[in-house]
N, C-alpha and C. Protein backbone atom coordinates (compact mmCIF):
# COMPACT_ATOMS: atom_id res chain seq x y z
N MET A 1 0.70 -1.12 0.08
CA MET A 1 0.06 -0.15 0.04
C MET A 1 0.83 1.28 -0.08
N ARG A 2 2.00 1.09 0.71
CA ARG A 2 2.85 2.37 0.89
C ARG A 2 3.62 2.60 -0.46
N SER A 3 3.86 1.55 -1.26
CA SER A 3 4.57 1.77 -2.43
C SER A 3 3.43 2.25 -3.63
N VAL A 4 2.23 2.03 -3.43
CA VAL A 4 1.13 2.41 -4.46
C VAL A 4 0.90 4.11 -4.04
N LEU A 5 0.84 4.44 -2.79
CA LEU A 5 0.89 5.86 -2.25
C LEU A 5 1.99 6.59 -2.87
N MET A 6 3.30 6.11 -2.75
CA MET A 6 4.60 6.82 -3.38
C MET A 6 4.29 7.05 -4.66
N THR A 7 4.02 6.00 -5.40
CA THR A 7 3.88 6.02 -6.86
C THR A 7 2.91 7.22 -7.33
N VAL A 8 1.79 7.34 -6.53
CA VAL A 8 0.61 8.22 -6.98
C VAL A 8 1.26 9.53 -6.75
N PHE A 9 1.81 9.77 -5.53
CA PHE A 9 2.61 11.08 -5.09
C PHE A 9 3.39 11.36 -6.37
N ALA A 10 4.33 10.60 -6.51
CA ALA A 10 5.42 10.61 -7.67
C ALA A 10 4.62 11.32 -8.95
N VAL A 11 3.80 10.47 -9.19
CA VAL A 11 3.07 10.80 -10.55
C VAL A 11 2.34 12.32 -10.61
N LEU A 12 1.78 12.48 -9.38
CA LEU A 12 1.10 14.03 -9.19
C LEU A 12 2.19 14.97 -9.26
N ILE A 13 3.35 14.79 -8.71
CA ILE A 13 4.39 15.69 -8.66
C ILE A 13 5.00 16.08 -9.94
N VAL A 14 5.22 14.83 -10.57
CA VAL A 14 5.96 15.10 -12.00
C VAL A 14 4.56 15.66 -13.22
N GLY A 15 3.45 15.25 -12.92
CA GLY A 15 2.24 15.60 -13.45
C GLY A 15 2.16 17.28 -13.46
N GLY A 16 2.37 17.49 -12.08
CA GLY A 16 2.04 19.09 -11.72
C GLY A 16 3.12 19.95 -12.33
N PHE A 17 4.63 19.56 -12.25
CA PHE A 17 5.60 20.01 -12.81
C PHE A 17 5.32 20.38 -14.58
N VAL A 18 4.93 19.23 -15.11
CA VAL A 18 4.66 19.08 -16.43
C VAL A 18 3.75 20.31 -16.86
N ALA A 19 2.55 20.18 -16.06
CA ALA A 19 1.38 21.28 -16.26
C ALA A 19 1.85 22.62 -16.08
N VAL A 20 2.78 22.85 -15.03
CA VAL A 20 3.34 24.17 -14.87
C VAL A 20 4.06 24.33 -16.24
N VAL A 21 5.21 23.81 -16.54
CA VAL A 21 6.14 24.12 -17.64
C VAL A 21 5.28 24.21 -18.74
N TYR A 22 4.25 23.33 -19.07
CA TYR A 22 3.26 23.59 -20.38
C TYR A 22 2.76 24.66 -20.27
N GLY A 23 2.15 25.17 -18.90
CA GLY A 23 1.45 26.60 -19.25
C GLY A 23 2.23 27.53 -19.25
N ILE A 24 3.53 27.65 -18.80
CA ILE A 24 4.43 28.78 -18.69
C ILE A 24 5.08 28.92 -20.11
N VAL A 25 5.55 27.77 -20.57
CA VAL A 25 6.45 27.71 -21.74
C VAL A 25 5.71 27.71 -23.06
N VAL A 26 4.86 26.56 -23.04
CA VAL A 26 4.09 26.29 -24.49
C VAL A 26 2.80 27.00 -24.61
N ARG A 27 1.84 27.11 -23.57
CA ARG A 27 0.56 27.80 -23.78
C ARG A 27 0.72 28.95 -23.51
N ALA A 28 1.53 30.04 -23.67
CA ALA A 28 1.28 31.29 -23.36
C ALA A 28 0.20 32.14 -23.85
N GLU A 29 -0.13 32.93 -23.16
CA GLU A 29 -1.35 33.77 -23.30
C GLU A 29 -1.07 34.82 -24.63
N PRO A 30 -1.80 35.00 -25.61
CA PRO A 30 -1.58 35.99 -26.46
C PRO A 30 -1.47 37.29 -26.01
N VAL A 31 -0.63 38.23 -26.60
CA VAL A 31 -0.20 39.43 -26.38
C VAL A 31 -0.74 40.47 -27.56
N THR A 32 -1.66 41.31 -27.44
CA THR A 32 -2.08 42.27 -28.37
C THR A 32 -1.53 43.69 -28.30
N GLN A 33 -0.62 44.02 -29.00
CA GLN A 33 0.09 45.35 -28.58
C GLN A 33 -0.91 46.41 -29.18
N PRO A 34 -0.65 47.36 -28.83
CA PRO A 34 -1.64 48.71 -29.40
C PRO A 34 -0.94 49.04 -30.70
N ILE A 35 0.41 48.91 -30.77
CA ILE A 35 0.93 49.40 -32.02
C ILE A 35 1.89 48.12 -32.51
N ALA A 36 1.78 47.88 -33.81
CA ALA A 36 2.64 46.76 -34.42
C ALA A 36 3.83 47.32 -34.67
N PHE A 37 4.67 47.59 -33.55
CA PHE A 37 6.13 48.15 -33.62
C PHE A 37 6.97 47.26 -34.43
N ASN A 38 8.00 47.87 -35.41
CA ASN A 38 8.75 47.08 -36.13
C ASN A 38 10.19 47.41 -35.70
N HIS A 39 10.55 46.36 -35.12
CA HIS A 39 12.05 46.50 -34.66
C HIS A 39 13.10 46.63 -35.81
N ALA A 40 12.74 45.95 -36.87
CA ALA A 40 13.62 45.81 -38.13
C ALA A 40 13.97 47.29 -38.80
N ILE A 41 12.91 48.10 -38.83
CA ILE A 41 13.08 49.38 -39.33
C ILE A 41 13.88 50.21 -38.50
N HIS A 42 13.55 49.92 -37.18
CA HIS A 42 14.29 50.92 -36.27
C HIS A 42 15.79 50.44 -35.94
N LEU A 43 15.94 49.30 -36.21
CA LEU A 43 17.37 48.86 -35.83
C LEU A 43 18.05 48.72 -37.29
N ASP A 44 17.67 48.21 -38.18
CA ASP A 44 18.33 48.17 -39.53
C ASP A 44 18.29 49.48 -40.35
N ASP A 45 17.07 49.86 -40.65
CA ASP A 45 16.90 50.96 -41.55
C ASP A 45 17.39 52.17 -41.10
N ALA A 46 16.73 52.50 -39.76
CA ALA A 46 17.13 53.72 -39.03
C ALA A 46 18.58 53.87 -38.22
N GLY A 47 19.05 52.54 -38.28
CA GLY A 47 20.55 52.44 -37.53
C GLY A 47 20.34 52.78 -36.01
N LEU A 48 19.37 52.57 -35.09
CA LEU A 48 19.28 53.00 -33.90
C LEU A 48 19.77 51.84 -33.18
N GLU A 49 20.52 52.08 -32.06
CA GLU A 49 20.91 51.21 -31.14
C GLU A 49 19.84 50.80 -30.13
N CYS A 50 19.68 49.53 -29.53
CA CYS A 50 18.74 49.38 -28.52
C CYS A 50 18.66 50.42 -27.35
N LEU A 51 19.72 50.81 -27.05
CA LEU A 51 19.80 51.72 -25.73
C LEU A 51 19.27 53.00 -26.10
N ALA A 52 19.10 53.33 -27.51
CA ALA A 52 18.63 54.55 -27.71
C ALA A 52 16.93 54.62 -27.15
N CYS A 53 16.33 53.56 -27.34
CA CYS A 53 14.82 53.57 -26.84
C CYS A 53 14.90 52.73 -25.29
N HIS A 54 15.39 51.69 -25.32
CA HIS A 54 15.54 51.01 -23.89
C HIS A 54 16.74 51.62 -22.96
N THR A 55 16.42 52.95 -22.63
CA THR A 55 17.42 53.42 -22.09
C THR A 55 17.80 53.10 -20.64
N ARG A 56 16.72 52.42 -20.17
CA ARG A 56 17.00 51.81 -18.71
C ARG A 56 17.85 50.53 -18.52
N ALA A 57 18.15 49.99 -19.83
CA ALA A 57 18.88 48.77 -19.68
C ALA A 57 20.37 48.90 -19.28
N ALA A 58 21.03 50.13 -19.24
CA ALA A 58 22.27 50.40 -18.83
C ALA A 58 22.40 50.83 -17.34
N THR A 59 21.08 51.25 -16.79
CA THR A 59 21.00 51.69 -15.28
C THR A 59 20.16 50.70 -14.48
N ASP A 60 19.30 50.15 -14.80
CA ASP A 60 18.44 49.46 -14.31
C ASP A 60 18.49 47.89 -14.35
N VAL A 61 17.66 47.09 -13.58
CA VAL A 61 17.44 45.77 -13.50
C VAL A 61 16.62 45.36 -14.67
N SER A 62 15.61 46.01 -15.22
CA SER A 62 14.89 46.04 -16.13
C SER A 62 15.21 46.94 -17.32
N ALA A 63 15.09 46.47 -18.61
CA ALA A 63 15.41 47.48 -19.86
C ALA A 63 14.34 48.42 -19.97
N GLY A 64 13.16 47.92 -19.55
CA GLY A 64 11.89 48.95 -19.51
C GLY A 64 11.42 48.74 -20.97
N ILE A 65 10.09 49.25 -21.26
CA ILE A 65 9.60 49.46 -22.48
C ILE A 65 9.38 51.01 -22.69
N PRO A 66 9.86 51.27 -23.75
CA PRO A 66 9.96 52.81 -24.02
C PRO A 66 8.41 53.55 -24.14
N GLY A 67 8.27 54.69 -23.36
CA GLY A 67 7.13 55.37 -23.45
C GLY A 67 6.87 56.20 -24.56
N LYS A 68 5.71 56.72 -24.57
CA LYS A 68 5.48 57.71 -25.74
C LYS A 68 6.39 58.75 -26.20
N ALA A 69 6.99 59.28 -25.04
CA ALA A 69 7.79 60.31 -25.06
C ALA A 69 9.15 60.09 -25.99
N VAL A 70 9.55 58.71 -25.77
CA VAL A 70 10.69 58.32 -26.41
C VAL A 70 10.38 58.18 -27.89
N CYS A 71 9.26 57.68 -28.31
CA CYS A 71 8.83 57.71 -29.68
C CYS A 71 8.73 58.81 -30.49
N LEU A 72 8.10 60.02 -29.68
CA LEU A 72 7.80 61.43 -30.21
C LEU A 72 8.95 62.24 -30.27
N ASP A 73 10.16 61.84 -29.50
CA ASP A 73 11.35 62.65 -29.76
C ASP A 73 11.85 62.37 -31.32
N CYS A 74 11.45 61.41 -31.90
CA CYS A 74 11.84 61.10 -33.35
C CYS A 74 10.79 61.14 -34.36
N HIS A 75 9.43 60.77 -33.96
CA HIS A 75 8.31 60.97 -34.88
C HIS A 75 7.69 62.20 -34.52
N ASP A 76 7.23 62.90 -35.71
CA ASP A 76 6.60 64.21 -35.59
C ASP A 76 5.26 64.23 -36.28
N ILE A 77 4.15 64.44 -35.57
CA ILE A 77 2.80 64.13 -36.29
C ILE A 77 2.75 65.22 -37.48
N ASP A 78 3.44 66.14 -37.45
CA ASP A 78 3.12 67.31 -38.40
C ASP A 78 3.67 66.68 -39.56
N GLU A 79 5.07 66.21 -39.49
CA GLU A 79 5.53 65.60 -40.73
C GLU A 79 5.26 64.30 -41.20
N GLU A 80 4.78 63.44 -40.16
CA GLU A 80 4.53 62.09 -40.57
C GLU A 80 3.04 61.60 -40.50
N GLY A 81 2.28 62.44 -39.76
CA GLY A 81 0.65 62.24 -39.58
C GLY A 81 0.00 61.77 -41.06
N GLY A 82 -0.64 60.51 -40.92
CA GLY A 82 -1.39 60.19 -42.01
C GLY A 82 -0.29 59.19 -43.13
N SER A 83 0.75 59.15 -42.69
CA SER A 83 1.66 58.57 -43.83
C SER A 83 1.62 57.04 -43.51
N HIS A 84 1.23 56.51 -42.17
CA HIS A 84 1.45 55.20 -41.96
C HIS A 84 0.46 54.91 -40.89
N THR A 85 -0.48 53.72 -40.78
CA THR A 85 -1.34 53.28 -39.95
C THR A 85 -0.74 53.19 -38.54
N GLU A 86 0.31 52.60 -38.36
CA GLU A 86 0.83 52.42 -36.99
C GLU A 86 1.33 53.61 -36.30
N LYS A 87 2.01 54.52 -37.20
CA LYS A 87 2.41 55.82 -36.69
C LYS A 87 1.30 56.49 -36.34
N ASP A 88 0.21 56.68 -36.91
CA ASP A 88 -1.13 57.36 -36.62
C ASP A 88 -1.50 56.76 -35.32
N LYS A 89 -1.53 55.44 -34.95
CA LYS A 89 -1.68 55.05 -33.62
C LYS A 89 -0.92 55.53 -32.54
N LEU A 90 0.34 55.59 -32.94
CA LEU A 90 1.38 56.37 -31.89
C LEU A 90 0.98 57.96 -31.85
N PHE A 91 0.72 58.73 -32.85
CA PHE A 91 0.24 60.02 -32.49
C PHE A 91 -1.19 60.25 -31.91
N ALA A 92 -2.00 59.11 -31.62
CA ALA A 92 -3.17 59.16 -31.16
C ALA A 92 -2.97 59.12 -29.67
N PHE A 93 -1.74 58.73 -29.11
CA PHE A 93 -1.52 58.71 -27.61
C PHE A 93 -0.76 60.05 -27.38
N GLU A 94 -0.35 61.14 -28.45
CA GLU A 94 0.42 62.03 -28.01
C GLU A 94 -0.50 62.99 -27.06
N ASP A 95 -1.75 63.14 -27.14
CA ASP A 95 -2.27 63.99 -26.26
C ASP A 95 -3.02 63.50 -25.10
N THR A 96 -2.88 62.32 -25.05
CA THR A 96 -3.50 61.55 -23.74
C THR A 96 -2.55 61.66 -22.58
N ASP A 97 -3.30 61.31 -21.55
CA ASP A 97 -2.64 61.53 -20.13
C ASP A 97 -1.84 60.18 -19.80
N GLY A 98 -2.14 59.08 -20.54
CA GLY A 98 -1.60 57.81 -20.31
C GLY A 98 -0.42 57.63 -21.26
N ASP A 99 0.20 56.50 -21.11
CA ASP A 99 1.32 56.09 -21.91
C ASP A 99 0.75 54.89 -22.94
N ILE A 100 1.67 54.50 -23.83
CA ILE A 100 1.28 53.51 -24.44
C ILE A 100 1.26 52.04 -23.67
N PRO A 101 -0.01 51.41 -23.80
CA PRO A 101 0.01 50.34 -22.76
C PRO A 101 0.42 49.11 -23.59
N TRP A 102 1.92 48.94 -23.71
CA TRP A 102 2.61 47.84 -24.08
C TRP A 102 2.31 46.87 -23.20
N GLY A 103 2.20 45.45 -23.80
CA GLY A 103 2.45 44.36 -22.98
C GLY A 103 3.70 43.71 -23.14
N ARG A 104 4.19 43.23 -21.84
CA ARG A 104 5.28 42.60 -22.10
C ARG A 104 5.57 41.10 -22.68
N VAL A 105 6.49 41.00 -23.56
CA VAL A 105 6.71 39.82 -24.17
C VAL A 105 7.90 38.96 -24.06
N ALA A 106 8.90 39.82 -23.61
CA ALA A 106 10.45 38.99 -23.19
C ALA A 106 10.26 38.84 -21.77
N VAL A 107 10.22 37.49 -21.37
CA VAL A 107 9.93 37.05 -19.86
C VAL A 107 11.15 36.03 -19.57
N THR A 108 11.43 35.86 -18.31
CA THR A 108 12.31 34.93 -17.74
C THR A 108 11.32 34.15 -16.82
N LYS A 109 11.85 33.08 -16.46
CA LYS A 109 11.23 32.16 -15.44
C LYS A 109 11.05 33.03 -14.23
N PRO A 110 10.14 32.52 -13.39
CA PRO A 110 9.57 33.45 -12.10
C PRO A 110 10.83 33.01 -11.00
N ASP A 111 11.69 31.94 -11.09
CA ASP A 111 12.78 31.99 -10.08
C ASP A 111 14.12 32.65 -10.55
N VAL A 112 14.16 33.09 -11.72
CA VAL A 112 15.36 33.64 -12.42
C VAL A 112 15.33 35.30 -11.94
N PHE A 113 16.63 35.60 -11.50
CA PHE A 113 16.85 37.28 -11.44
C PHE A 113 17.78 37.45 -12.58
N PHE A 114 17.35 38.42 -13.27
CA PHE A 114 18.41 38.96 -14.51
C PHE A 114 18.37 40.38 -14.45
N SER A 115 19.57 40.91 -14.27
CA SER A 115 19.80 42.22 -14.34
C SER A 115 20.42 42.87 -15.61
N HIS A 116 19.42 43.74 -16.41
CA HIS A 116 19.94 44.04 -17.67
C HIS A 116 21.39 45.07 -17.36
N ARG A 117 21.32 45.88 -16.21
CA ARG A 117 22.51 46.74 -16.10
C ARG A 117 23.80 45.85 -15.93
N ARG A 118 23.74 44.89 -15.12
CA ARG A 118 24.75 44.28 -14.97
C ARG A 118 25.38 43.54 -16.25
N HIS A 119 24.60 43.19 -17.19
CA HIS A 119 24.73 42.54 -18.38
C HIS A 119 25.34 43.52 -19.67
N VAL A 120 24.87 44.57 -19.50
CA VAL A 120 24.96 45.66 -20.38
C VAL A 120 26.17 46.34 -20.14
N THR A 121 26.41 46.78 -18.83
CA THR A 121 27.22 47.68 -18.46
C THR A 121 28.50 46.99 -17.99
N SER A 122 28.43 46.02 -17.00
CA SER A 122 29.67 45.20 -16.54
C SER A 122 29.94 44.11 -17.52
N GLY A 123 29.11 43.37 -18.06
CA GLY A 123 29.27 42.38 -19.05
C GLY A 123 29.59 42.67 -20.54
N LYS A 124 29.27 44.02 -20.75
CA LYS A 124 29.38 44.62 -22.11
C LYS A 124 28.88 43.83 -23.15
N LEU A 125 27.81 43.27 -22.94
CA LEU A 125 26.80 42.40 -23.87
C LEU A 125 26.26 43.35 -24.72
N ASP A 126 26.05 43.11 -26.03
CA ASP A 126 25.17 43.58 -27.02
C ASP A 126 23.75 43.04 -26.78
N CYS A 127 22.68 43.88 -26.76
CA CYS A 127 21.46 43.44 -26.57
C CYS A 127 20.94 42.21 -27.32
N LEU A 128 21.55 42.18 -28.67
CA LEU A 128 21.07 41.32 -29.63
C LEU A 128 21.78 39.86 -29.49
N GLU A 129 22.64 39.82 -28.50
CA GLU A 129 23.20 38.53 -28.05
C GLU A 129 22.26 37.78 -27.28
N CYS A 130 21.67 38.11 -26.59
CA CYS A 130 20.39 37.72 -25.82
C CYS A 130 18.98 37.71 -26.54
N HIS A 131 18.78 38.83 -27.32
CA HIS A 131 17.62 39.17 -28.12
C HIS A 131 17.89 39.00 -29.65
N PRO A 132 18.56 37.90 -30.26
CA PRO A 132 19.12 37.97 -31.74
C PRO A 132 17.93 38.07 -32.70
N ASP A 133 16.56 37.68 -32.21
CA ASP A 133 15.59 37.81 -33.26
C ASP A 133 15.04 39.34 -33.43
N GLN A 134 15.36 40.14 -32.53
CA GLN A 134 14.71 41.42 -32.63
C GLN A 134 15.19 42.21 -33.89
N ALA A 135 16.31 42.09 -34.48
CA ALA A 135 16.72 42.84 -35.65
C ALA A 135 15.79 42.30 -36.97
N GLU A 136 15.26 41.21 -36.97
CA GLU A 136 14.28 40.75 -37.87
C GLU A 136 12.66 40.90 -37.69
N LEU A 137 12.29 41.17 -36.69
CA LEU A 137 10.90 41.34 -36.16
C LEU A 137 10.41 42.58 -36.84
N ASP A 138 9.49 42.37 -37.93
CA ASP A 138 8.63 43.52 -38.35
C ASP A 138 7.33 43.74 -37.60
N ALA A 139 6.91 42.93 -36.76
CA ALA A 139 6.01 43.04 -35.66
C ALA A 139 6.21 42.37 -34.46
N PRO A 140 5.30 42.71 -33.49
CA PRO A 140 5.66 42.36 -32.00
C PRO A 140 5.38 40.75 -32.16
N PRO A 141 5.87 39.97 -31.23
CA PRO A 141 5.68 38.47 -31.12
C PRO A 141 4.13 38.44 -30.57
N PRO A 142 3.47 37.42 -30.89
CA PRO A 142 2.08 37.40 -30.70
C PRO A 142 1.89 36.68 -29.06
N THR A 143 2.94 36.33 -28.65
CA THR A 143 2.80 35.66 -27.07
C THR A 143 4.15 36.00 -26.49
N ALA A 144 4.14 36.02 -25.00
CA ALA A 144 5.21 36.37 -24.23
C ALA A 144 6.22 35.06 -24.54
N GLN A 145 7.28 35.31 -24.45
CA GLN A 145 8.60 34.32 -24.97
C GLN A 145 9.68 34.31 -23.82
N LEU A 146 9.95 33.17 -23.34
CA LEU A 146 11.09 32.88 -22.74
C LEU A 146 12.43 33.51 -23.61
N VAL A 147 13.20 34.33 -22.79
CA VAL A 147 14.33 35.08 -23.80
C VAL A 147 15.26 33.94 -23.97
N MET A 148 15.76 33.40 -22.90
CA MET A 148 16.81 32.36 -23.23
C MET A 148 16.66 31.18 -22.61
N ALA A 149 17.16 29.98 -23.00
CA ALA A 149 17.30 28.79 -22.21
C ALA A 149 18.20 28.77 -21.32
N MET A 150 18.19 28.11 -20.09
CA MET A 150 19.37 28.06 -19.26
C MET A 150 20.65 27.69 -19.73
N ASP A 151 20.41 26.81 -20.75
CA ASP A 151 21.83 26.22 -21.61
C ASP A 151 22.50 27.37 -22.25
N ASP A 152 21.59 28.23 -22.75
CA ASP A 152 22.28 29.42 -23.46
C ASP A 152 23.13 30.46 -22.38
N CYS A 153 22.37 30.54 -21.28
CA CYS A 153 23.08 31.32 -20.13
C CYS A 153 24.45 30.67 -19.65
N ILE A 154 24.27 29.45 -19.42
CA ILE A 154 25.43 28.74 -19.02
C ILE A 154 26.67 28.83 -20.03
N GLU A 155 26.36 28.60 -21.13
CA GLU A 155 27.49 28.45 -22.11
C GLU A 155 27.99 29.97 -22.30
N CYS A 156 27.22 30.97 -22.13
CA CYS A 156 27.66 32.41 -22.16
C CYS A 156 28.63 32.61 -20.87
N HIS A 157 28.29 32.28 -19.90
CA HIS A 157 28.86 32.47 -18.42
C HIS A 157 30.21 31.47 -18.62
N GLN A 158 30.13 30.44 -19.35
CA GLN A 158 31.64 29.66 -19.21
C GLN A 158 32.47 30.54 -20.38
N GLN A 159 31.98 30.88 -21.40
CA GLN A 159 32.87 31.50 -22.44
C GLN A 159 33.37 32.82 -22.00
N ARG A 160 32.69 33.48 -21.06
CA ARG A 160 33.12 34.88 -20.52
C ARG A 160 33.92 34.61 -19.14
N GLY A 161 33.76 33.25 -18.38
CA GLY A 161 34.50 33.15 -17.14
C GLY A 161 33.92 33.63 -16.11
N VAL A 162 32.49 33.96 -15.96
CA VAL A 162 31.77 34.41 -15.06
C VAL A 162 31.05 33.41 -14.28
N SER A 163 30.73 33.64 -12.99
CA SER A 163 30.00 32.70 -12.06
C SER A 163 29.05 31.76 -12.77
N GLU A 164 29.09 30.55 -12.45
CA GLU A 164 27.82 29.71 -12.98
C GLU A 164 27.04 29.14 -11.43
N ASP A 165 27.44 29.72 -10.48
CA ASP A 165 26.74 29.31 -9.31
C ASP A 165 25.25 29.73 -9.43
N CYS A 166 24.65 28.63 -9.08
CA CYS A 166 22.98 28.80 -9.28
C CYS A 166 22.38 29.67 -8.69
N LEU A 167 23.09 30.15 -7.29
CA LEU A 167 22.27 31.21 -6.55
C LEU A 167 22.69 32.69 -7.20
N ALA A 168 23.44 32.64 -8.13
CA ALA A 168 23.86 34.29 -8.79
C ALA A 168 22.71 34.44 -9.61
N CYS A 169 21.87 33.64 -10.13
CA CYS A 169 20.56 33.72 -10.87
C CYS A 169 19.32 33.41 -10.44
N HIS A 170 19.39 32.21 -9.53
CA HIS A 170 18.29 31.71 -9.32
C HIS A 170 17.96 32.08 -7.82
N ARG A 171 16.78 32.49 -7.66
CA ARG A 171 16.27 33.05 -6.25
C ARG A 171 15.15 32.63 -5.68
């Protein structure tokens, strides 16, 4: 009887783990963005660096999602109004009290602590090393996505000779 209970308990634990991973990784909820932001145009065509818009990446744990003021520093309604549907969506936010309600699409697992400041400033990493697909994205991803697999992080840490201690990243 005890071995049957242990087996049932083990199946429940494994099943619960699979359900959590499946729910977090595979079945991510759709994210609908207010503007179909095109990273490719901004990075490739305009030649912007990631830090031009994600200014907090060098100074904060989070890179942050740029607010409308960042976009409106470059885009002018008088010059560009009516030229593109997505730009017009941006201009609609210009005279509102709120900011652009972006949804978060780059995520880490709940037990992972990741500091953009540490990686950008101390590690001197280019954003595209961890976010390689951004330069090709002509629209936001439709769901939140894990940015990197743990194996990618460990490989990078090994190549650079930095800590692989579990507690450096997992809390």
